[in-house]
Protein backbone atom coordinates (compact mmCIF):
# COMPACT_ATOMS: atom_id res chain seq x y z
CA MET A 1 -44.83 8.40 -4.75
CA GLU A 2 -48.35 9.81 -4.94
CA GLU A 3 -48.76 8.64 -8.56
CA ILE A 4 -47.48 5.18 -7.65
CA ILE A 5 -50.02 4.95 -4.82
CA LYS A 6 -52.78 6.02 -7.23
CA THR A 7 -51.77 3.24 -9.59
CA ALA A 8 -51.82 0.76 -6.70
CA GLN A 9 -55.31 1.96 -5.75
CA GLU A 10 -56.50 1.50 -9.33
CA LEU A 11 -55.12 -2.04 -9.29
CA PHE A 12 -56.75 -2.78 -5.91
CA LYS A 13 -60.07 -1.55 -7.33
CA LYS A 14 -59.63 -3.69 -10.44
CA ASP A 15 -59.13 -6.74 -8.18
CA ARG A 16 -62.21 -5.71 -6.15
CA HIS A 17 -60.14 -5.07 -3.01
CA TYR A 18 -60.75 -1.32 -2.82
CA THR A 19 -63.77 1.00 -2.99
CA GLY A 20 -62.17 4.28 -1.95
CA SER A 21 -61.01 7.29 -3.93
CA ILE A 22 -58.01 7.26 -6.26
CA ASP A 23 -56.29 9.97 -4.25
CA GLY A 24 -52.70 8.80 -3.78
CA ILE A 25 -53.10 8.75 0.01
CA PRO A 26 -52.20 5.47 1.79
CA GLY A 27 -55.16 5.60 4.18
CA PRO A 28 -56.90 2.74 6.02
CA MET A 29 -58.79 1.48 2.95
CA THR A 30 -55.60 1.44 0.89
CA MET A 31 -53.82 -0.52 3.59
CA GLU A 32 -56.74 -2.95 3.79
CA GLY A 33 -56.47 -3.50 0.06
CA LEU A 34 -52.72 -4.04 0.33
CA ALA A 35 -53.23 -6.61 3.08
CA LYS A 36 -55.08 -8.84 0.60
CA TYR A 37 -51.79 -9.70 -1.09
CA GLY A 38 -49.91 -12.18 1.07
CA ASP A 39 -46.68 -12.04 -0.95
CA ILE A 40 -45.96 -8.54 0.40
CA PRO A 41 -44.29 -8.72 3.84
CA LYS A 42 -46.32 -6.83 6.44
CA SER A 43 -43.09 -5.93 8.26
CA TRP A 44 -42.06 -3.57 5.45
CA PRO A 45 -42.77 0.17 5.74
CA THR A 46 -45.85 1.38 3.86
CA ASN A 47 -44.07 2.81 0.81
CA ARG A 48 -41.95 -0.30 0.43
CA ARG A 49 -45.05 -2.51 0.63
CA ILE A 50 -46.74 -0.46 -2.09
CA ILE A 51 -43.67 -0.69 -4.34
CA GLY A 52 -43.55 -4.42 -3.66
CA PHE A 53 -47.19 -4.65 -4.74
CA ILE A 54 -46.42 -2.78 -7.97
CA GLN A 55 -43.56 -5.21 -8.61
CA LEU A 56 -45.91 -8.14 -7.99
CA LYS A 57 -48.58 -6.86 -10.39
CA ALA A 58 -45.98 -5.97 -13.03
CA LYS A 59 -44.60 -9.49 -12.90
CA GLU A 60 -48.11 -10.95 -13.17
CA SER A 61 -48.61 -8.85 -16.31
CA GLY A 62 -45.42 -10.17 -17.90
CA PHE A 63 -43.18 -7.18 -17.18
CA ASN A 64 -39.92 -7.88 -15.38
CA PRO A 65 -39.46 -5.56 -12.36
CA GLY A 66 -36.43 -7.40 -11.01
CA PRO A 67 -36.57 -8.97 -7.54
CA LEU A 68 -39.70 -8.56 -5.42
CA ASP A 69 -37.92 -6.43 -2.82
CA GLY A 70 -39.98 -3.25 -2.51
CA ILE A 71 -37.06 -1.11 -3.70
CA TRP A 72 -37.57 1.38 -6.53
CA GLY A 73 -34.86 1.09 -9.15
CA PRO A 74 -34.62 1.51 -12.94
CA GLN A 75 -35.92 -1.98 -13.70
CA THR A 76 -38.94 -1.49 -11.44
CA GLU A 77 -39.53 1.95 -12.97
CA SER A 78 -39.46 0.48 -16.48
CA ALA A 79 -41.90 -2.29 -15.50
CA TYR A 80 -44.13 0.30 -13.78
CA ASP A 81 -44.29 2.41 -16.94
CA LEU A 82 -45.38 -0.63 -18.97
CA LEU A 83 -47.90 -1.67 -16.31
CA LYS A 84 -49.34 1.86 -16.10
CA TYR A 85 -49.71 2.04 -19.88
CA LYS A 86 -51.56 -1.29 -19.96
CA LEU A 87 -53.81 -0.24 -17.09
CA THR A 88 -54.67 3.03 -18.85
CA ASN A 89 -54.99 1.74 -22.42
CA GLY A 90 -56.03 -1.87 -21.99
CA GLU A 91 -53.14 -3.18 -24.12
CA ASP A 92 -49.38 -3.52 -24.03
CA GLN A 93 -47.32 -0.50 -24.96
CA PRO A 94 -46.13 -0.82 -28.59
CA LEU A 95 -42.45 -1.25 -29.22
CA TRP A 96 -40.63 1.86 -30.29
CA ARG A 97 -37.17 1.17 -31.64
CA PRO A 98 -36.19 3.22 -34.72
CA ASP A 99 -34.66 1.00 -37.39
CA GLU A 100 -32.02 3.31 -38.77
CA LEU A 101 -29.05 5.03 -37.20
CA ILE A 102 -26.63 7.43 -38.81
CA PHE A 103 -23.35 6.83 -36.99
CA ASP A 104 -20.51 9.20 -37.76
CA LYS A 105 -18.49 8.93 -34.53
CA PRO A 106 -15.27 6.94 -33.92
CA LYS A 107 -15.89 3.21 -34.35
CA LYS A 108 -13.87 2.12 -31.36
CA TRP A 109 -16.37 -0.49 -30.15
CA PRO A 110 -17.81 -3.48 -32.03
CA ILE A 111 -21.33 -3.79 -33.39
CA GLN A 112 -23.79 -4.91 -30.75
CA ASN A 113 -24.13 -8.72 -30.61
CA SER A 114 -21.77 -9.27 -33.57
CA PRO A 115 -19.08 -12.00 -33.50
CA GLU A 116 -16.53 -9.24 -32.79
CA PHE A 117 -18.67 -8.09 -29.88
CA HIS A 118 -18.72 -11.53 -28.27
CA ASN A 119 -15.02 -12.06 -28.97
CA LEU A 120 -14.21 -8.82 -27.17
CA PHE A 121 -16.62 -8.93 -24.25
CA GLY A 122 -17.16 -12.66 -23.81
CA GLU A 123 -20.13 -14.01 -21.88
CA ARG A 124 -22.42 -11.64 -20.04
CA GLY A 125 -22.40 -11.65 -16.26
CA GLU A 126 -20.17 -10.64 -13.38
CA HIS A 127 -16.97 -12.54 -14.16
CA ASN A 128 -15.46 -9.79 -16.36
CA LEU A 129 -16.34 -6.88 -14.10
CA VAL A 130 -13.94 -4.47 -12.44
CA SER A 131 -14.54 -1.31 -10.40
CA VAL A 132 -13.72 2.17 -11.67
CA ASP A 133 -13.18 5.09 -9.30
CA ILE A 134 -15.43 8.10 -9.96
CA PRO A 135 -13.53 11.42 -9.97
CA PHE A 136 -16.48 13.46 -8.67
CA ARG A 137 -19.29 12.99 -6.17
CA MET A 138 -22.06 10.82 -7.60
CA HIS A 139 -25.32 9.58 -6.10
CA VAL A 140 -27.79 6.82 -6.90
CA CYS A 141 -30.62 8.59 -8.71
CA TRP A 142 -33.41 6.88 -6.74
CA GLU A 143 -31.53 7.20 -3.43
CA PRO A 144 -30.02 10.73 -3.65
CA TYR A 145 -28.39 10.45 -0.24
CA SER A 146 -26.44 7.33 -1.25
CA LEU A 147 -22.93 8.26 -2.36
CA VAL A 148 -21.44 6.24 -5.23
CA THR A 149 -17.64 6.15 -5.30
CA ARG A 150 -17.04 3.35 -7.82
CA ILE A 151 -18.80 1.90 -10.87
CA ARG A 152 -18.67 -1.80 -11.70
CA CYS A 153 -18.20 -2.27 -15.43
CA HIS A 154 -16.62 -4.64 -17.95
CA ARG A 155 -12.84 -4.61 -17.69
CA LYS A 156 -12.54 -3.86 -21.44
CA VAL A 157 -14.31 -0.51 -21.07
CA ALA A 158 -12.90 0.49 -17.67
CA ASP A 159 -10.07 2.73 -18.90
CA SER A 160 -12.27 4.39 -21.47
CA MET A 161 -14.98 5.09 -18.90
CA SER A 162 -12.41 6.52 -16.52
CA ASN A 163 -11.11 8.79 -19.28
CA VAL A 164 -14.61 10.09 -19.99
CA LEU A 165 -15.47 10.84 -16.37
CA THR A 166 -12.12 12.55 -15.80
CA LYS A 167 -12.72 14.79 -18.83
CA VAL A 168 -16.23 15.58 -17.60
CA LYS A 169 -14.86 16.78 -14.28
CA GLU A 170 -12.17 18.87 -16.01
CA ILE A 171 -14.71 20.54 -18.30
CA TYR A 172 -17.62 21.10 -15.94
CA GLY A 173 -16.27 21.03 -12.38
CA GLU A 174 -18.13 19.71 -9.34
CA ASP A 175 -20.67 22.55 -9.03
CA GLU A 176 -21.78 22.44 -12.66
CA ILE A 177 -21.88 18.64 -12.64
CA LYS A 178 -24.28 18.84 -9.71
CA ARG A 179 -26.38 21.60 -11.28
CA LEU A 180 -26.76 19.63 -14.51
CA ARG A 181 -27.49 16.43 -12.57
CA LEU A 182 -24.64 14.57 -14.24
CA ASN A 183 -23.97 13.12 -10.80
CA LEU A 184 -27.23 11.14 -10.68
CA PHE A 185 -26.28 7.56 -11.50
CA GLY A 186 -28.92 5.22 -12.92
CA GLY A 187 -26.81 2.07 -13.09
CA CYS A 188 -24.26 0.18 -15.15
CA PHE A 189 -24.08 -3.60 -14.75
CA ASN A 190 -27.49 -5.28 -14.60
CA ASN A 191 -27.77 -8.83 -15.93
CA ARG A 192 -31.16 -8.32 -17.56
CA GLN A 193 -32.87 -8.39 -20.93
CA MET A 194 -33.79 -5.26 -22.87
CA ARG A 195 -36.99 -3.55 -21.88
CA GLN A 196 -39.86 -4.99 -23.92
CA GLY A 197 -37.53 -7.42 -25.65
CA ASN A 198 -35.97 -10.87 -25.52
CA SER A 199 -32.41 -9.80 -26.35
CA TRP A 200 -29.93 -9.14 -23.59
CA SER A 201 -29.30 -5.55 -22.62
CA MET A 202 -25.82 -4.06 -22.94
CA HIS A 203 -26.09 -3.57 -19.18
CA ALA A 204 -25.78 -7.37 -18.87
CA TRP A 205 -22.14 -7.04 -19.96
CA GLY A 206 -21.49 -3.91 -17.90
CA ILE A 207 -20.83 -1.77 -20.99
CA ALA A 208 -23.77 0.65 -20.68
CA LEU A 209 -24.58 3.39 -18.20
CA ASP A 210 -27.69 5.41 -17.35
CA PHE A 211 -27.73 8.92 -15.88
CA ASP A 212 -30.57 11.05 -14.48
CA PRO A 213 -33.41 8.79 -15.72
CA ALA A 214 -36.06 10.90 -13.99
CA ARG A 215 -35.50 13.79 -16.41
CA ASN A 216 -34.49 11.61 -19.36
CA PRO A 217 -36.97 8.72 -19.38
CA LEU A 218 -36.97 5.95 -21.95
CA ARG A 219 -39.58 7.28 -24.35
CA ALA A 220 -38.99 11.02 -24.03
CA GLY A 221 -37.51 12.78 -27.05
CA ARG A 222 -35.38 15.90 -27.33
CA GLU A 223 -38.39 18.11 -26.69
CA THR A 224 -38.44 17.15 -23.00
CA SER A 225 -35.19 15.27 -22.21
CA THR A 226 -32.71 17.55 -20.47
CA PHE A 227 -29.70 15.76 -21.97
CA SER A 228 -30.68 17.12 -25.39
CA ARG A 229 -29.98 20.71 -24.32
CA PRO A 230 -26.93 22.68 -25.53
CA GLU A 231 -25.28 22.74 -22.09
CA TYR A 232 -24.79 18.95 -22.36
CA GLU A 233 -22.92 19.10 -25.68
CA ALA A 234 -19.51 18.75 -23.98
CA TRP A 235 -20.85 15.81 -21.92
CA TRP A 236 -21.74 13.91 -25.08
CA ARG A 237 -18.53 14.92 -26.80
CA CYS A 238 -16.56 13.30 -23.96
CA TRP A 239 -18.35 10.00 -24.53
CA GLU A 240 -18.34 10.14 -28.32
CA GLU A 241 -14.62 10.89 -28.53
CA GLU A 242 -14.18 7.50 -26.86
CA GLY A 243 -16.60 5.88 -29.33
CA TRP A 244 -19.50 5.44 -26.91
CA VAL A 245 -23.00 5.66 -28.41
CA SER A 246 -25.82 7.80 -27.05
CA LEU A 247 -29.25 6.41 -27.85
CA GLY A 248 -30.68 9.89 -27.40
CA ARG A 249 -28.29 11.50 -29.88
CA SER A 250 -28.71 8.63 -32.32
CA PHE A 251 -32.34 7.59 -32.00
CA ASN A 252 -33.94 10.46 -30.01
CA PHE A 253 -35.12 8.22 -27.20
CA ASP A 254 -33.60 6.82 -23.99
CA TRP A 255 -31.44 9.92 -23.51
CA MET A 256 -30.26 8.58 -20.13
CA HIS A 257 -28.36 5.73 -21.85
CA VAL A 258 -24.85 5.50 -23.29
CA GLN A 259 -23.09 2.28 -24.35
CA ALA A 260 -19.78 0.95 -25.67
CA ALA A 261 -21.30 -0.85 -28.65
CA ARG A 262 -22.41 0.30 -32.09
CA PHE A 263 -25.49 -0.62 -34.12
CA PHE A 264 -23.71 -0.93 -37.47
């Protein structure tokens, strides 16, 4: 939270609403700066107000943080990263999407956005969603005390997802799942567009999942992403045996993400 507060202070200073130090401490001058923005409810706790301010500034800069609710989730985190880059570098972060993918896993799922894809999954949105029971204890990554017992996903991938998670529990067991942070859920269904793009995310159909985004952020490669380590080989094998695609294993970015759609 300290880094988020520092970013807020930098933005206050840029708007000429703050003359204090960039210290990450929400002191009186920081709160005075925050009070200049009437769209942020004063009834919210301090941290929520600061997150709400970040969401407001991200939206003003053209980055979609989701609803202005003061709650830190993956969409807000993505928008924050783009906002922080622009604040630091004075320009938008360049797109980084490798063009080629060598895919040698089972081709169970259709190519992303192909006619076969739309025939199988239909229109994006909530109408095709079902809930899948999770066979081990899972928590929301940004709210670690919130227990997740079911995942809402597209009905066409529900059985496959259940198979994967059951295999994961059989292979690793509860203690190892917790140690490896495989129990930190970053989301499945989210009716949004891709980050830094105009196309719809696979999350908009409920056929993609994110895990432990804090240690496997969007732009991190195998040098720093924990999911690239040998102890996660069985984790990826469980997904790939069902035809799911890991962006980390395929493109070496977005290691948190796995989806039931191919690229070619």
